[in-house]
């Protein structure tokens, strides 16, 4: 009759070998990990929405070009080879998009990046109805811009910014 405990013994032996291999890392402990984290510490990148331009639409969607100012407060350049963004307006998802634009933001410098985004017709109608029926200051719309610059040395840099977009005077007056 075969030994049914053989696979379990093999698994335990593999686990024991793995623990023996990791033991030196455990001995280094927090000191080793702190050293690595110190090398990767960077000030957060700031990304501001500085412009919105219309693009030709496709089907039942609105296309826009978001102009973003990326500010690098670090003492080394920030290289990127792609960006993804999501724009929420009045607390609701509004637009999203990606770009494979490549570039670099100089140390203690800034760069402008344009990202095309899509807005579905249904989302646009919902937002318009919400603005028209909402209360409070309806001449500005609050937004949250979230995204990620890809391709940096540490795999990507996330960002989030908040602000308000001013509507032209009289747009929503009754």
Protein backbone atom coordinates (compact mmCIF):
# COMPACT_ATOMS: atom_id res chain seq x y z
CA UNK A 1 0.00 0.00 0.00
CA UNK A 2 1.43 3.45 -0.94
CA UNK A 3 2.35 6.02 1.71
CA UNK A 4 -0.40 8.68 1.58
CA UNK A 5 1.61 11.04 3.80
CA UNK A 6 4.41 11.52 1.28
CA UNK A 7 2.95 14.67 -0.38
CA UNK A 8 2.39 16.24 3.04
CA UNK A 9 5.97 15.45 4.10
CA UNK A 10 7.30 16.92 0.87
CA UNK A 11 5.27 20.09 1.39
CA UNK A 12 6.54 20.46 4.96
CA UNK A 13 10.13 19.92 3.80
CA UNK A 14 9.71 22.63 1.14
CA UNK A 15 8.25 25.02 3.71
CA UNK A 16 11.15 24.34 6.09
CA UNK A 17 13.72 25.03 3.33
CA UNK A 18 11.92 28.31 2.54
CA UNK A 19 12.01 29.38 6.19
CA UNK A 20 15.71 28.61 6.42
CA UNK A 21 16.32 30.68 3.28
CA UNK A 22 14.36 33.64 4.70
CA UNK A 23 15.95 33.49 8.17
CA UNK A 24 18.85 35.86 7.28
CA UNK A 25 16.35 38.47 6.07
CA UNK A 26 14.44 38.22 9.33
CA UNK A 27 17.68 38.77 11.23
CA UNK A 28 18.27 42.04 9.33
CA UNK A 29 14.71 43.01 10.27
CA UNK A 30 13.44 46.55 10.10
CA UNK A 31 16.91 48.03 9.56
CA UNK A 32 17.23 46.46 6.13
CA UNK A 33 13.72 47.43 5.08
CA UNK A 34 14.15 51.00 6.35
CA UNK A 35 17.23 51.42 4.20
CA UNK A 36 15.33 50.40 1.06
CA UNK A 37 12.38 52.62 1.92
CA UNK A 38 14.72 55.56 2.44
CA UNK A 39 15.98 55.21 -1.10
CA UNK A 40 12.44 55.33 -2.51
CA UNK A 41 11.08 58.23 -0.43
CA UNK A 42 9.87 61.05 -2.59
CA UNK A 43 7.64 64.03 -2.08
CA UNK A 44 4.22 63.49 -3.68
CA UNK A 45 3.86 64.72 -7.23
CA UNK A 46 1.21 67.39 -7.71
CA UNK A 47 -1.04 67.29 -10.77
CA UNK A 48 -3.37 70.22 -11.44
CA UNK A 49 -6.15 70.43 -14.02
CA UNK A 50 -5.32 73.62 -15.96
CA UNK A 51 -7.48 73.33 -19.06
CA UNK A 52 -10.22 71.43 -20.85
CA UNK A 53 -10.53 71.47 -24.64
CA UNK A 54 -13.19 69.76 -26.78
CA UNK A 55 -12.19 66.94 -29.14
CA UNK A 56 -14.24 65.38 -31.95
CA UNK A 57 -16.78 63.00 -30.38
CA UNK A 58 -17.44 59.42 -31.36
CA UNK A 59 -20.92 57.92 -31.20
CA UNK A 60 -22.74 58.72 -27.97
CA UNK A 61 -19.72 60.06 -26.13
CA UNK A 62 -18.15 63.43 -25.58
CA UNK A 63 -14.37 63.60 -26.00
CA UNK A 64 -12.27 66.14 -24.12
CA UNK A 65 -8.57 66.87 -23.80
CA UNK A 66 -7.55 67.48 -20.19
CA UNK A 67 -4.49 69.68 -19.84
CA UNK A 68 -2.57 68.73 -16.71
CA UNK A 69 0.34 70.52 -15.06
CA UNK A 70 2.62 68.00 -13.34
CA UNK A 71 4.77 69.52 -10.61
CA UNK A 72 7.79 67.56 -9.35
CA UNK A 73 8.98 68.81 -5.91
CA UNK A 74 11.84 66.28 -5.79
CA UNK A 75 15.54 66.70 -6.40
CA UNK A 76 15.61 64.16 -9.24
CA UNK A 77 13.81 64.13 -12.59
CA UNK A 78 10.64 62.08 -12.92
CA UNK A 79 10.45 60.08 -16.15
CA UNK A 80 7.12 58.72 -17.35
CA UNK A 81 5.86 56.72 -20.32
CA UNK A 82 2.10 56.79 -19.84
CA UNK A 83 -0.66 58.28 -17.77
CA UNK A 84 -4.14 57.24 -16.72
CA UNK A 85 -6.75 59.58 -15.24
CA UNK A 86 -10.27 59.53 -13.82
CA UNK A 87 -12.22 62.74 -13.29
CA UNK A 88 -15.11 62.91 -10.82
CA UNK A 89 -17.42 65.93 -10.90
CA UNK A 90 -19.74 66.75 -7.99
CA UNK A 91 -18.77 63.45 -6.34
CA UNK A 92 -19.75 61.29 -9.32
CA UNK A 93 -17.58 59.60 -11.99
CA UNK A 94 -17.47 61.83 -15.06
CA UNK A 95 -14.59 61.09 -17.45
CA UNK A 96 -11.65 58.72 -17.79
CA UNK A 97 -8.79 58.27 -20.20
CA UNK A 98 -5.23 57.19 -20.88
CA UNK A 99 -2.28 58.41 -22.90
CA UNK A 100 0.99 56.74 -23.83
CA UNK A 101 2.77 60.11 -23.89
CA UNK A 102 6.39 59.91 -22.78
CA UNK A 103 8.44 62.56 -21.12
CA UNK A 104 10.21 63.77 -18.06
CA UNK A 105 9.41 66.30 -15.39
CA UNK A 106 12.65 68.04 -14.38
CA UNK A 107 13.83 68.12 -10.79
CA UNK A 108 11.97 70.89 -8.96
CA UNK A 109 10.17 71.55 -12.25
CA UNK A 110 6.92 71.10 -14.09
CA UNK A 111 5.53 69.82 -17.37
CA UNK A 112 2.23 70.02 -19.26
CA UNK A 113 0.59 66.76 -20.34
CA UNK A 114 -2.56 66.44 -22.45
CA UNK A 115 -4.76 63.41 -21.84
CA UNK A 116 -7.81 62.60 -23.99
CA UNK A 117 -10.81 61.46 -21.96
CA UNK A 118 -14.28 60.12 -22.73
CA UNK A 119 -17.61 61.11 -21.20
CA UNK A 120 -20.66 59.01 -21.98
CA UNK A 121 -23.82 60.82 -23.11
CA UNK A 122 -25.73 59.36 -20.15
CA UNK A 123 -23.15 60.67 -17.69
CA UNK A 124 -23.30 64.09 -19.31
CA UNK A 125 -27.11 64.21 -19.05
CA UNK A 126 -27.05 63.10 -15.39
CA UNK A 127 -24.49 65.76 -14.50
CA UNK A 128 -26.42 68.49 -16.33
CA UNK A 129 -29.66 67.53 -14.55
CA UNK A 130 -27.87 67.46 -11.20
CA UNK A 131 -26.37 70.91 -11.72
CA UNK A 132 -29.68 72.39 -12.89
CA UNK A 133 -31.64 70.99 -9.92
CA UNK A 134 -28.92 71.28 -7.27
CA UNK A 135 -28.81 73.78 -4.46
CA UNK A 136 -26.04 76.04 -3.25
CA UNK A 137 -23.39 77.68 -5.41
CA UNK A 138 -24.16 76.44 -8.89
CA UNK A 139 -21.64 78.67 -10.66
CA UNK A 140 -18.79 76.30 -9.73
CA UNK A 141 -18.42 72.54 -9.94
CA UNK A 142 -16.12 70.68 -7.58
CA UNK A 143 -13.94 67.93 -9.05
CA UNK A 144 -11.50 65.23 -8.01
CA UNK A 145 -8.79 64.14 -10.44
CA UNK A 146 -7.12 60.79 -9.73
CA UNK A 147 -4.52 58.98 -11.78
CA UNK A 148 -1.12 57.43 -12.19
CA UNK A 149 2.04 58.35 -14.06
CA UNK A 150 3.50 55.06 -15.29
CA UNK A 151 7.03 53.97 -16.06
CA UNK A 152 8.90 55.64 -13.24
CA UNK A 153 11.79 53.88 -11.55
CA UNK A 154 9.50 52.70 -8.75
CA UNK A 155 6.74 51.43 -11.04
CA UNK A 156 4.40 54.41 -11.09
CA UNK A 157 3.39 57.48 -9.17
CA UNK A 158 -0.21 57.95 -8.13
CA UNK A 159 -1.78 61.36 -7.70
CA UNK A 160 -5.00 62.99 -6.61
CA UNK A 161 -6.02 66.62 -6.79
CA UNK A 162 -9.18 68.53 -5.98
CA UNK A 163 -10.53 71.83 -7.13
CA UNK A 164 -13.38 73.75 -8.65
CA UNK A 165 -14.27 74.60 -12.21
CA UNK A 166 -15.97 77.97 -12.63
CA UNK A 167 -18.95 78.11 -14.99
CA UNK A 168 -19.42 81.16 -17.22
CA UNK A 169 -21.71 83.78 -15.66
CA UNK A 170 -25.42 83.26 -16.38
CA UNK A 171 -25.12 79.66 -17.60
CA UNK A 172 -27.46 78.29 -14.96
CA UNK A 173 -29.55 81.33 -14.11
CA UNK A 174 -33.32 80.78 -14.19
